[in-house]
Amino acid sequence: MTVNTTDQTGGQPLNMGHDEIFDDLYRAYFAPLCFFATNIICNDDDAKDLVEDVFLKLWQRKQRFENAAHAQAYLYRCVRNSCINLLRHGKRKTAKLDLLIAETEDFQEAYLEEMIRAEVGGELYRAIENLPSQCSKVITMSFIDGSSNEEIARALNLSVQTVKNHKVRGMHILKDTLPGSLFVLLLLHPFIK
């Protein structure tokens, strides 16, 4: 049974105890949830660990959901709460925590916007991860991290020209694989951060 994660109108009940259902949800939501968590806690490694923990708990509990929409909402809520807990426990104590837990009228709208950004960001991350290894590193460091060609060259022990070549090659591949609007969003660097 393959889970249709694009159908948000209903669908079949989902049981995380089934390998195929769990794998489908993991593949569909891991990257967007990592992007979502990174926007909250500002650390890519911690975000990935946190998302993996959420999925591990789902697997261990053999969690059941009414449909894919229910699973998606639950996953985003769990990741958001886990981010808040991480921030609360002092590992990343910032003013951002105060913003996250403050009650406002705009909370639901902002939360929905963050979910949409996470889904789009997840698509970009998946496309970048599918690039050849060096191209992926260069594109990530350039467009996601905001590093200059010189900084990338030093970090990867490459010449600046090689960095430029990898960037051009990666962008050509992405332009061919991403829908036009997603490719444009990649070029709009502030959207990603």
N, C-alpha and C. Protein backbone atom coordinates (compact mmCIF):
# COMPACT_ATOMS: atom_id res chain seq x y z
N MET A 1 0.85 -1.19 0.00
CA MET A 1 0.00 0.00 0.00
C MET A 1 0.88 1.24 0.00
N THR A 2 0.75 2.07 -1.00
CA THR A 2 1.51 3.30 -1.08
C THR A 2 0.64 4.44 -0.57
N VAL A 3 1.25 5.27 0.26
CA VAL A 3 0.52 6.39 0.84
C VAL A 3 0.53 7.55 -0.13
N ASN A 4 -0.64 8.11 -0.40
CA ASN A 4 -0.76 9.28 -1.24
C ASN A 4 -0.66 10.50 -0.34
N THR A 5 0.55 11.06 -0.25
CA THR A 5 0.76 12.21 0.63
C THR A 5 0.30 13.52 0.01
N THR A 6 -0.06 13.49 -1.28
CA THR A 6 -0.53 14.73 -1.90
C THR A 6 -2.03 14.90 -1.75
N ASP A 7 -2.75 13.81 -1.45
CA ASP A 7 -4.19 13.89 -1.24
C ASP A 7 -4.47 14.27 0.20
N GLN A 8 -4.85 15.51 0.42
CA GLN A 8 -5.08 16.00 1.78
C GLN A 8 -6.57 16.03 2.13
N THR A 9 -7.40 15.42 1.30
CA THR A 9 -8.84 15.50 1.52
C THR A 9 -9.39 14.33 2.30
N GLY A 10 -8.64 13.35 2.55
CA GLY A 10 -9.16 12.18 3.26
C GLY A 10 -8.18 11.05 3.12
N GLY A 11 -8.65 9.95 2.54
CA GLY A 11 -7.77 8.83 2.31
C GLY A 11 -7.95 7.76 3.37
N GLN A 12 -7.11 6.77 3.30
CA GLN A 12 -7.19 5.60 4.15
C GLN A 12 -6.47 5.82 5.48
N PRO A 13 -6.90 5.10 6.52
CA PRO A 13 -6.16 5.15 7.78
C PRO A 13 -4.73 4.65 7.59
N LEU A 14 -3.80 5.21 8.34
CA LEU A 14 -2.39 4.84 8.23
C LEU A 14 -1.90 4.26 9.55
N ASN A 15 -1.18 3.17 9.47
CA ASN A 15 -0.61 2.53 10.65
C ASN A 15 0.90 2.53 10.49
N MET A 16 1.60 3.22 11.39
CA MET A 16 3.05 3.31 11.31
C MET A 16 3.75 1.98 11.61
N GLY A 17 3.00 0.98 12.00
CA GLY A 17 3.58 -0.33 12.22
C GLY A 17 3.85 -1.09 10.93
N HIS A 18 3.30 -0.59 9.81
CA HIS A 18 3.54 -1.22 8.51
C HIS A 18 4.76 -0.57 7.86
N ASP A 19 5.73 -1.39 7.50
CA ASP A 19 7.00 -0.88 6.95
C ASP A 19 6.80 0.05 5.75
N GLU A 20 5.96 -0.36 4.80
CA GLU A 20 5.79 0.41 3.58
C GLU A 20 5.16 1.78 3.85
N ILE A 21 4.18 1.82 4.72
CA ILE A 21 3.53 3.10 5.06
C ILE A 21 4.51 4.01 5.77
N PHE A 22 5.24 3.45 6.73
CA PHE A 22 6.23 4.24 7.45
C PHE A 22 7.29 4.79 6.48
N ASP A 23 7.80 3.94 5.60
CA ASP A 23 8.83 4.36 4.63
C ASP A 23 8.31 5.47 3.72
N ASP A 24 7.05 5.33 3.25
CA ASP A 24 6.48 6.36 2.39
C ASP A 24 6.39 7.71 3.10
N LEU A 25 5.92 7.71 4.33
CA LEU A 25 5.83 8.97 5.08
C LEU A 25 7.20 9.54 5.38
N TYR A 26 8.14 8.67 5.71
CA TYR A 26 9.51 9.13 6.01
C TYR A 26 10.10 9.81 4.77
N ARG A 27 10.00 9.17 3.62
CA ARG A 27 10.54 9.75 2.38
C ARG A 27 9.82 11.05 2.02
N ALA A 28 8.52 11.11 2.24
CA ALA A 28 7.75 12.29 1.86
C ALA A 28 8.01 13.49 2.77
N TYR A 29 8.22 13.23 4.06
CA TYR A 29 8.24 14.35 5.01
C TYR A 29 9.58 14.60 5.71
N PHE A 30 10.56 13.73 5.55
CA PHE A 30 11.82 13.94 6.27
C PHE A 30 12.48 15.27 5.88
N ALA A 31 12.68 15.50 4.59
CA ALA A 31 13.35 16.73 4.15
C ALA A 31 12.55 17.99 4.51
N PRO A 32 11.23 18.04 4.26
CA PRO A 32 10.50 19.25 4.66
C PRO A 32 10.51 19.49 6.17
N LEU A 33 10.44 18.41 6.95
CA LEU A 33 10.47 18.57 8.40
C LEU A 33 11.84 19.05 8.88
N CYS A 34 12.90 18.58 8.24
CA CYS A 34 14.25 19.07 8.59
C CYS A 34 14.36 20.55 8.29
N PHE A 35 13.85 20.97 7.15
CA PHE A 35 13.86 22.38 6.78
C PHE A 35 13.07 23.20 7.80
N PHE A 36 11.90 22.69 8.17
CA PHE A 36 11.04 23.34 9.14
C PHE A 36 11.76 23.50 10.48
N ALA A 37 12.39 22.43 10.96
CA ALA A 37 13.10 22.46 12.24
C ALA A 37 14.31 23.37 12.18
N THR A 38 15.03 23.36 11.06
CA THR A 38 16.21 24.22 10.92
C THR A 38 15.82 25.68 11.01
N ASN A 39 14.66 26.04 10.47
CA ASN A 39 14.20 27.43 10.55
C ASN A 39 13.90 27.84 11.99
N ILE A 40 13.58 26.88 12.83
CA ILE A 40 13.28 27.20 14.23
C ILE A 40 14.54 27.22 15.09
N ILE A 41 15.36 26.19 14.97
CA ILE A 41 16.51 26.07 15.89
C ILE A 41 17.83 26.50 15.27
N CYS A 42 17.82 26.80 13.97
CA CYS A 42 19.00 27.35 13.29
C CYS A 42 20.21 26.43 13.33
N ASN A 43 19.99 25.12 13.33
CA ASN A 43 21.11 24.18 13.31
C ASN A 43 20.66 22.95 12.54
N ASP A 44 21.28 22.73 11.38
CA ASP A 44 20.88 21.66 10.49
C ASP A 44 21.08 20.28 11.11
N ASP A 45 22.20 20.06 11.81
CA ASP A 45 22.46 18.74 12.41
C ASP A 45 21.46 18.43 13.52
N ASP A 46 21.22 19.39 14.40
CA ASP A 46 20.23 19.18 15.47
C ASP A 46 18.84 18.95 14.89
N ALA A 47 18.53 19.67 13.81
CA ALA A 47 17.21 19.52 13.18
C ALA A 47 17.03 18.10 12.65
N LYS A 48 18.05 17.57 11.98
CA LYS A 48 17.96 16.21 11.44
C LYS A 48 17.81 15.19 12.57
N ASP A 49 18.59 15.35 13.64
CA ASP A 49 18.48 14.44 14.78
C ASP A 49 17.08 14.49 15.38
N LEU A 50 16.57 15.68 15.51
CA LEU A 50 15.26 15.87 16.11
C LEU A 50 14.16 15.21 15.27
N VAL A 51 14.22 15.37 13.95
CA VAL A 51 13.23 14.78 13.06
C VAL A 51 13.35 13.25 13.08
N GLU A 52 14.57 12.76 13.10
CA GLU A 52 14.77 11.30 13.19
C GLU A 52 14.17 10.76 14.48
N ASP A 53 14.32 11.49 15.57
CA ASP A 53 13.73 11.07 16.85
C ASP A 53 12.21 11.02 16.77
N VAL A 54 11.60 11.99 16.11
CA VAL A 54 10.15 12.01 15.97
C VAL A 54 9.69 10.78 15.19
N PHE A 55 10.37 10.46 14.10
CA PHE A 55 10.00 9.28 13.32
C PHE A 55 10.24 7.99 14.10
N LEU A 56 11.31 7.95 14.87
CA LEU A 56 11.60 6.76 15.69
C LEU A 56 10.48 6.52 16.70
N LYS A 57 10.01 7.59 17.33
CA LYS A 57 8.91 7.46 18.28
C LYS A 57 7.63 6.97 17.60
N LEU A 58 7.38 7.48 16.39
CA LEU A 58 6.20 7.01 15.64
C LEU A 58 6.30 5.51 15.37
N TRP A 59 7.48 5.08 14.98
CA TRP A 59 7.69 3.66 14.68
C TRP A 59 7.52 2.81 15.93
N GLN A 60 8.13 3.26 17.02
CA GLN A 60 8.06 2.49 18.27
C GLN A 60 6.63 2.39 18.79
N ARG A 61 5.88 3.45 18.66
CA ARG A 61 4.49 3.47 19.16
C ARG A 61 3.52 2.84 18.17
N LYS A 62 3.99 2.59 16.94
CA LYS A 62 3.11 2.08 15.88
C LYS A 62 1.88 2.99 15.77
N GLN A 63 2.18 4.28 15.76
CA GLN A 63 1.15 5.33 15.72
C GLN A 63 0.18 5.12 14.56
N ARG A 64 -1.08 5.42 14.80
CA ARG A 64 -2.12 5.32 13.76
C ARG A 64 -2.65 6.72 13.46
N PHE A 65 -2.98 6.93 12.18
CA PHE A 65 -3.53 8.21 11.74
C PHE A 65 -4.76 7.95 10.90
N GLU A 66 -5.66 8.93 10.91
CA GLU A 66 -6.89 8.82 10.12
C GLU A 66 -6.60 8.82 8.62
N ASN A 67 -5.61 9.64 8.21
CA ASN A 67 -5.26 9.77 6.80
C ASN A 67 -3.93 10.50 6.70
N ALA A 68 -3.48 10.77 5.47
CA ALA A 68 -2.19 11.43 5.26
C ALA A 68 -2.18 12.86 5.81
N ALA A 69 -3.30 13.57 5.71
CA ALA A 69 -3.38 14.94 6.23
C ALA A 69 -3.21 14.95 7.74
N HIS A 70 -3.82 13.99 8.41
CA HIS A 70 -3.68 13.87 9.86
C HIS A 70 -2.23 13.59 10.22
N ALA A 71 -1.58 12.69 9.48
CA ALA A 71 -0.17 12.36 9.73
C ALA A 71 0.71 13.59 9.54
N GLN A 72 0.46 14.34 8.47
CA GLN A 72 1.27 15.53 8.19
C GLN A 72 1.13 16.56 9.32
N ALA A 73 -0.08 16.84 9.74
CA ALA A 73 -0.29 17.81 10.82
C ALA A 73 0.37 17.34 12.10
N TYR A 74 0.25 16.06 12.40
CA TYR A 74 0.85 15.50 13.61
C TYR A 74 2.38 15.62 13.57
N LEU A 75 2.98 15.30 12.42
CA LEU A 75 4.43 15.36 12.29
C LEU A 75 4.94 16.79 12.49
N TYR A 76 4.29 17.76 11.86
CA TYR A 76 4.73 19.15 12.01
C TYR A 76 4.58 19.62 13.47
N ARG A 77 3.48 19.24 14.10
CA ARG A 77 3.27 19.63 15.50
C ARG A 77 4.33 19.00 16.40
N CYS A 78 4.63 17.72 16.19
CA CYS A 78 5.65 17.03 17.00
C CYS A 78 7.02 17.68 16.83
N VAL A 79 7.37 17.99 15.58
CA VAL A 79 8.67 18.60 15.32
C VAL A 79 8.73 19.99 15.95
N ARG A 80 7.67 20.77 15.81
CA ARG A 80 7.64 22.10 16.42
C ARG A 80 7.80 22.00 17.94
N ASN A 81 7.05 21.08 18.56
CA ASN A 81 7.15 20.93 20.01
C ASN A 81 8.53 20.44 20.44
N SER A 82 9.13 19.56 19.66
CA SER A 82 10.48 19.08 19.98
C SER A 82 11.49 20.21 19.87
N CYS A 83 11.31 21.09 18.88
CA CYS A 83 12.19 22.26 18.74
C CYS A 83 12.06 23.17 19.96
N ILE A 84 10.83 23.41 20.38
CA ILE A 84 10.62 24.25 21.56
C ILE A 84 11.26 23.63 22.78
N ASN A 85 11.12 22.32 22.95
CA ASN A 85 11.74 21.64 24.09
C ASN A 85 13.25 21.77 24.04
N LEU A 86 13.84 21.64 22.86
CA LEU A 86 15.29 21.78 22.72
C LEU A 86 15.72 23.19 23.10
N LEU A 87 14.97 24.18 22.64
CA LEU A 87 15.30 25.56 22.97
C LEU A 87 15.11 25.84 24.47
N ARG A 88 14.07 25.27 25.04
CA ARG A 88 13.78 25.48 26.46
C ARG A 88 14.87 24.91 27.36
N HIS A 89 15.44 23.81 26.96
CA HIS A 89 16.43 23.15 27.81
C HIS A 89 17.82 23.77 27.68
N GLY A 90 17.86 24.99 27.16
CA GLY A 90 19.08 25.77 27.21
C GLY A 90 20.11 25.47 26.15
N LYS A 91 19.90 24.42 25.36
CA LYS A 91 20.90 24.11 24.36
C LYS A 91 21.00 25.23 23.34
N ARG A 92 19.88 25.84 23.05
CA ARG A 92 19.86 26.93 22.08
C ARG A 92 18.95 28.04 22.60
N LYS A 93 19.20 28.51 23.80
CA LYS A 93 18.36 29.54 24.42
C LYS A 93 18.47 30.83 23.62
N THR A 94 17.39 31.23 23.00
CA THR A 94 17.38 32.45 22.19
C THR A 94 16.07 33.18 22.37
N ALA A 95 16.04 34.36 21.82
CA ALA A 95 14.80 35.14 21.82
C ALA A 95 13.76 34.49 20.91
N LYS A 96 14.24 33.63 19.99
CA LYS A 96 13.32 32.96 19.09
C LYS A 96 12.35 32.08 19.86
N LEU A 97 12.79 31.52 20.98
CA LEU A 97 11.91 30.69 21.81
C LEU A 97 10.73 31.53 22.29
N ASP A 98 11.00 32.74 22.74
CA ASP A 98 9.93 33.60 23.20
C ASP A 98 8.92 33.88 22.09
N LEU A 99 9.42 34.04 20.87
CA LEU A 99 8.52 34.28 19.74
C LEU A 99 7.69 33.04 19.43
N LEU A 100 8.29 31.87 19.57
CA LEU A 100 7.57 30.63 19.26
C LEU A 100 6.44 30.36 20.23
N ILE A 101 6.66 30.62 21.51
CA ILE A 101 5.65 30.25 22.50
C ILE A 101 4.69 31.39 22.83
N ALA A 102 4.94 32.55 22.26
CA ALA A 102 4.03 33.68 22.50
C ALA A 102 2.70 33.40 21.80
N GLU A 103 1.62 33.67 22.49
CA GLU A 103 0.29 33.47 21.91
C GLU A 103 -0.09 34.72 21.12
N THR A 104 -0.39 34.53 19.85
CA THR A 104 -0.83 35.65 19.01
C THR A 104 -2.01 35.19 18.15
N GLU A 105 -2.73 36.13 17.64
CA GLU A 105 -3.84 35.82 16.75
C GLU A 105 -3.35 35.27 15.42
N ASP A 106 -2.12 35.64 15.05
CA ASP A 106 -1.59 35.23 13.76
C ASP A 106 -0.88 33.88 13.81
N PHE A 107 -0.93 33.20 14.96
CA PHE A 107 -0.16 31.97 15.11
C PHE A 107 -0.51 30.93 14.05
N GLN A 108 -1.79 30.62 13.86
CA GLN A 108 -2.18 29.58 12.92
C GLN A 108 -1.75 29.93 11.49
N GLU A 109 -1.91 31.19 11.12
CA GLU A 109 -1.51 31.61 9.78
C GLU A 109 0.00 31.51 9.61
N ALA A 110 0.75 31.95 10.61
CA ALA A 110 2.21 31.86 10.54
C ALA A 110 2.66 30.41 10.51
N TYR A 111 2.00 29.56 11.27
CA TYR A 111 2.33 28.14 11.30
C TYR A 111 2.08 27.50 9.93
N LEU A 112 0.98 27.84 9.30
CA LEU A 112 0.67 27.33 7.97
C LEU A 112 1.70 27.81 6.95
N GLU A 113 2.08 29.08 7.03
CA GLU A 113 3.11 29.61 6.13
C GLU A 113 4.43 28.88 6.32
N GLU A 114 4.80 28.59 7.58
CA GLU A 114 6.03 27.84 7.84
C GLU A 114 5.95 26.43 7.27
N MET A 115 4.79 25.80 7.37
CA MET A 115 4.62 24.46 6.79
C MET A 115 4.81 24.50 5.28
N ILE A 116 4.24 25.49 4.64
CA ILE A 116 4.36 25.61 3.19
C ILE A 116 5.82 25.87 2.81
N ARG A 117 6.47 26.77 3.54
CA ARG A 117 7.89 27.03 3.30
C ARG A 117 8.71 25.75 3.48
N ALA A 118 8.37 24.98 4.50
CA ALA A 118 9.09 23.74 4.77
C ALA A 118 8.90 22.73 3.63
N GLU A 119 7.68 22.63 3.11
CA GLU A 119 7.42 21.71 2.01
C GLU A 119 8.21 22.13 0.76
N VAL A 120 8.18 23.41 0.44
CA VAL A 120 8.92 23.90 -0.72
C VAL A 120 10.42 23.76 -0.48
N GLY A 121 10.87 24.13 0.71
CA GLY A 121 12.29 23.98 1.04
C GLY A 121 12.72 22.53 0.98
N GLY A 122 11.86 21.63 1.42
CA GLY A 122 12.17 20.21 1.36
C GLY A 122 12.37 19.73 -0.07
N GLU A 123 11.53 20.22 -0.98
CA GLU A 123 11.69 19.86 -2.40
C GLU A 123 13.04 20.35 -2.92
N LEU A 124 13.42 21.58 -2.53
CA LEU A 124 14.72 22.10 -2.96
C LEU A 124 15.86 21.27 -2.38
N TYR A 125 15.78 20.95 -1.09
CA TYR A 125 16.82 20.14 -0.46
C TYR A 125 16.94 18.77 -1.12
N ARG A 126 15.81 18.14 -1.42
CA ARG A 126 15.86 16.82 -2.08
C ARG A 126 16.54 16.92 -3.43
N ALA A 127 16.21 17.96 -4.20
CA ALA A 127 16.82 18.13 -5.52
C ALA A 127 18.32 18.37 -5.39
N ILE A 128 18.72 19.17 -4.41
CA ILE A 128 20.15 19.45 -4.21
C ILE A 128 20.88 18.19 -3.76
N GLU A 129 20.25 17.40 -2.89
CA GLU A 129 20.89 16.16 -2.42
C GLU A 129 21.06 15.15 -3.54
N ASN A 130 20.25 15.23 -4.60
CA ASN A 130 20.36 14.29 -5.72
C ASN A 130 21.43 14.70 -6.74
N LEU A 131 22.04 15.86 -6.54
CA LEU A 131 23.13 16.28 -7.42
C LEU A 131 24.36 15.43 -7.15
N PRO A 132 25.32 15.41 -8.10
CA PRO A 132 26.60 14.76 -7.80
C PRO A 132 27.19 15.36 -6.52
N SER A 133 27.94 14.58 -5.80
CA SER A 133 28.41 14.93 -4.45
C SER A 133 29.02 16.33 -4.34
N GLN A 134 30.02 16.63 -5.15
CA GLN A 134 30.69 17.93 -5.04
C GLN A 134 29.76 19.07 -5.45
N CYS A 135 28.95 18.85 -6.47
CA CYS A 135 27.98 19.89 -6.88
C CYS A 135 27.01 20.17 -5.74
N SER A 136 26.54 19.10 -5.09
CA SER A 136 25.62 19.25 -3.98
C SER A 136 26.23 20.07 -2.85
N LYS A 137 27.48 19.77 -2.51
CA LYS A 137 28.16 20.51 -1.44
C LYS A 137 28.31 21.98 -1.81
N VAL A 138 28.73 22.23 -3.04
CA VAL A 138 28.96 23.62 -3.49
C VAL A 138 27.64 24.40 -3.52
N ILE A 139 26.59 23.81 -4.08
CA ILE A 139 25.29 24.49 -4.15
C ILE A 139 24.76 24.75 -2.74
N THR A 140 24.86 23.76 -1.85
CA THR A 140 24.40 23.94 -0.47
C THR A 140 25.16 25.06 0.21
N MET A 141 26.48 25.02 0.11
CA MET A 141 27.29 26.05 0.78
C MET A 141 27.04 27.43 0.19
N SER A 142 26.79 27.49 -1.11
CA SER A 142 26.59 28.78 -1.76
C SER A 142 25.19 29.34 -1.53
N PHE A 143 24.16 28.56 -1.88
CA PHE A 143 22.80 29.09 -1.86
C PHE A 143 22.09 28.91 -0.52
N ILE A 144 22.42 27.87 0.22
CA ILE A 144 21.75 27.64 1.49
C ILE A 144 22.50 28.34 2.62
N ASP A 145 23.82 28.11 2.67
CA ASP A 145 24.63 28.69 3.75
C ASP A 145 25.08 30.12 3.46
N GLY A 146 25.06 30.51 2.19
CA GLY A 146 25.46 31.88 1.83
C GLY A 146 26.97 32.10 1.78
N SER A 147 27.74 31.03 1.62
CA SER A 147 29.21 31.16 1.56
C SER A 147 29.65 31.69 0.20
N SER A 148 30.77 32.41 0.19
CA SER A 148 31.33 32.92 -1.06
C SER A 148 32.11 31.81 -1.75
N ASN A 149 32.44 32.03 -3.01
CA ASN A 149 33.23 31.04 -3.75
C ASN A 149 34.57 30.78 -3.07
N GLU A 150 35.18 31.83 -2.56
CA GLU A 150 36.47 31.69 -1.89
C GLU A 150 36.35 30.87 -0.61
N GLU A 151 35.29 31.11 0.16
CA GLU A 151 35.07 30.34 1.40
C GLU A 151 34.82 28.87 1.09
N ILE A 152 34.06 28.61 0.04
CA ILE A 152 33.77 27.24 -0.36
C ILE A 152 35.05 26.55 -0.80
N ALA A 153 35.86 27.26 -1.60
CA ALA A 153 37.12 26.69 -2.09
C ALA A 153 38.02 26.31 -0.92
N ARG A 154 38.12 27.17 0.07
CA ARG A 154 38.96 26.86 1.26
C ARG A 154 38.40 25.66 2.02
N ALA A 155 37.10 25.66 2.24
CA ALA A 155 36.47 24.60 3.04
C ALA A 155 36.57 23.23 2.36
N LEU A 156 36.46 23.20 1.04
CA LEU A 156 36.48 21.93 0.31
C LEU A 156 37.84 21.61 -0.30
N ASN A 157 38.80 22.51 -0.07
CA ASN A 157 40.16 22.33 -0.60
C ASN A 157 40.14 22.22 -2.13
N LEU A 158 39.45 23.17 -2.76
CA LEU A 158 39.33 23.24 -4.21
C LEU A 158 39.78 24.61 -4.69
N SER A 159 40.03 24.73 -5.98
CA SER A 159 40.32 26.05 -6.52
C SER A 159 39.00 26.80 -6.68
N VAL A 160 39.08 28.11 -6.74
CA VAL A 160 37.88 28.93 -6.92
C VAL A 160 37.23 28.60 -8.26
N GLN A 161 38.04 28.37 -9.29
CA GLN A 161 37.48 28.03 -10.60
C GLN A 161 36.73 26.70 -10.55
N THR A 162 37.24 25.72 -9.81
CA THR A 162 36.55 24.44 -9.68
C THR A 162 35.22 24.63 -8.97
N VAL A 163 35.19 25.49 -7.96
CA VAL A 163 33.94 25.80 -7.26
C VAL A 163 32.94 26.40 -8.25
N LYS A 164 33.41 27.34 -9.06
CA LYS A 164 32.53 27.96 -10.05
C LYS A 164 32.00 26.92 -11.04
N ASN A 165 32.87 26.01 -11.47
CA ASN A 165 32.46 24.96 -12.41
C ASN A 165 31.39 24.06 -11.79
N HIS A 166 31.59 23.66 -10.53
CA HIS A 166 30.59 22.82 -9.85
C HIS A 166 29.27 23.57 -9.69
N LYS A 167 29.36 24.86 -9.41
CA LYS A 167 28.15 25.66 -9.24
C LYS A 167 27.37 25.74 -10.56
N VAL A 168 28.07 26.00 -11.65
CA VAL A 168 27.41 26.09 -12.96
C VAL A 168 26.80 24.74 -13.33
N ARG A 169 27.56 23.66 -13.13
CA ARG A 169 27.06 22.32 -13.46
C ARG A 169 25.81 21.99 -12.62
N GLY A 170 25.89 22.26 -11.31
CA GLY A 170 24.77 21.99 -10.42
C GLY A 170 23.54 22.80 -10.79
N MET A 171 23.72 24.07 -11.13
CA MET A 171 22.59 24.92 -11.49
C MET A 171 21.95 24.45 -12.80
N HIS A 172 22.76 23.98 -13.76
CA HIS A 172 22.20 23.45 -15.00
C HIS A 172 21.34 22.22 -14.72
N ILE A 173 21.83 21.35 -13.87
CA ILE A 173 21.07 20.14 -13.52
C ILE A 173 19.77 20.53 -12.81
N LEU A 174 19.87 21.43 -11.84
CA LEU A 174 18.68 21.85 -11.10
C LEU A 174 17.67 22.54 -12.01
N LYS A 175 18.15 23.34 -12.94
CA LYS A 175 17.24 24.03 -13.86
C LYS A 175 16.45 23.02 -14.69
N ASP A 176 17.12 21.91 -15.05
CA ASP A 176 16.45 20.87 -15.84
C ASP A 176 15.52 20.00 -15.01
N THR A 177 15.80 19.84 -13.70
CA THR A 177 15.01 18.92 -12.89
C THR A 177 13.92 19.60 -12.06
N LEU A 178 14.13 20.83 -11.65
CA LEU A 178 13.14 21.52 -10.83
C LEU A 178 12.10 22.24 -11.70
N PRO A 179 10.85 22.27 -11.26
CA PRO A 179 9.89 23.13 -11.96
C PRO A 179 10.38 24.57 -11.90
N GLY A 180 10.03 25.37 -12.89
CA GLY A 180 10.53 26.74 -13.00
C GLY A 180 10.38 27.57 -11.74
N SER A 181 9.24 27.46 -11.07
CA SER A 181 9.02 28.27 -9.88
C SER A 181 9.95 27.88 -8.73
N LEU A 182 10.23 26.58 -8.58
CA LEU A 182 11.16 26.15 -7.52
C LEU A 182 12.57 26.59 -7.83
N PHE A 183 12.95 26.55 -9.10
CA PHE A 183 14.29 26.99 -9.47
C PHE A 183 14.46 28.47 -9.17
N VAL A 184 13.43 29.25 -9.46
CA VAL A 184 13.47 30.69 -9.16
C VAL A 184 13.60 30.90 -7.65
N LEU A 185 12.90 30.10 -6.84
CA LEU A 185 12.99 30.24 -5.39
C LEU A 185 14.40 29.93 -4.89
N LEU A 186 15.07 28.99 -5.54
CA LEU A 186 16.46 28.69 -5.17
C LEU A 186 17.33 29.92 -5.40
N LEU A 187 17.06 30.63 -6.47
CA LEU A 187 17.84 31.82 -6.77
C LEU A 187 17.53 32.98 -5.82
N LEU A 188 16.35 32.95 -5.22
CA LEU A 188 15.97 33.98 -4.25
C LEU A 188 16.45 33.55 -2.88
N HIS A 189 17.71 33.66 -2.65
CA HIS A 189 18.38 33.16 -1.44
C HIS A 189 17.66 33.46 -0.14
N PRO A 190 17.14 34.67 0.09
CA PRO A 190 16.49 34.93 1.38
C PRO A 190 15.29 34.03 1.67
N PHE A 191 14.64 33.52 0.61
CA PHE A 191 13.49 32.62 0.84
C PHE A 191 13.95 31.37 1.58
N ILE A 192 15.10 30.85 1.23
CA ILE A 192 15.56 29.59 1.78
C ILE A 192 15.91 29.75 3.25
N LYS A 193 16.60 30.78 3.60
CA LYS A 193 17.03 30.98 4.98
C LYS A 193 15.84 31.27 5.78
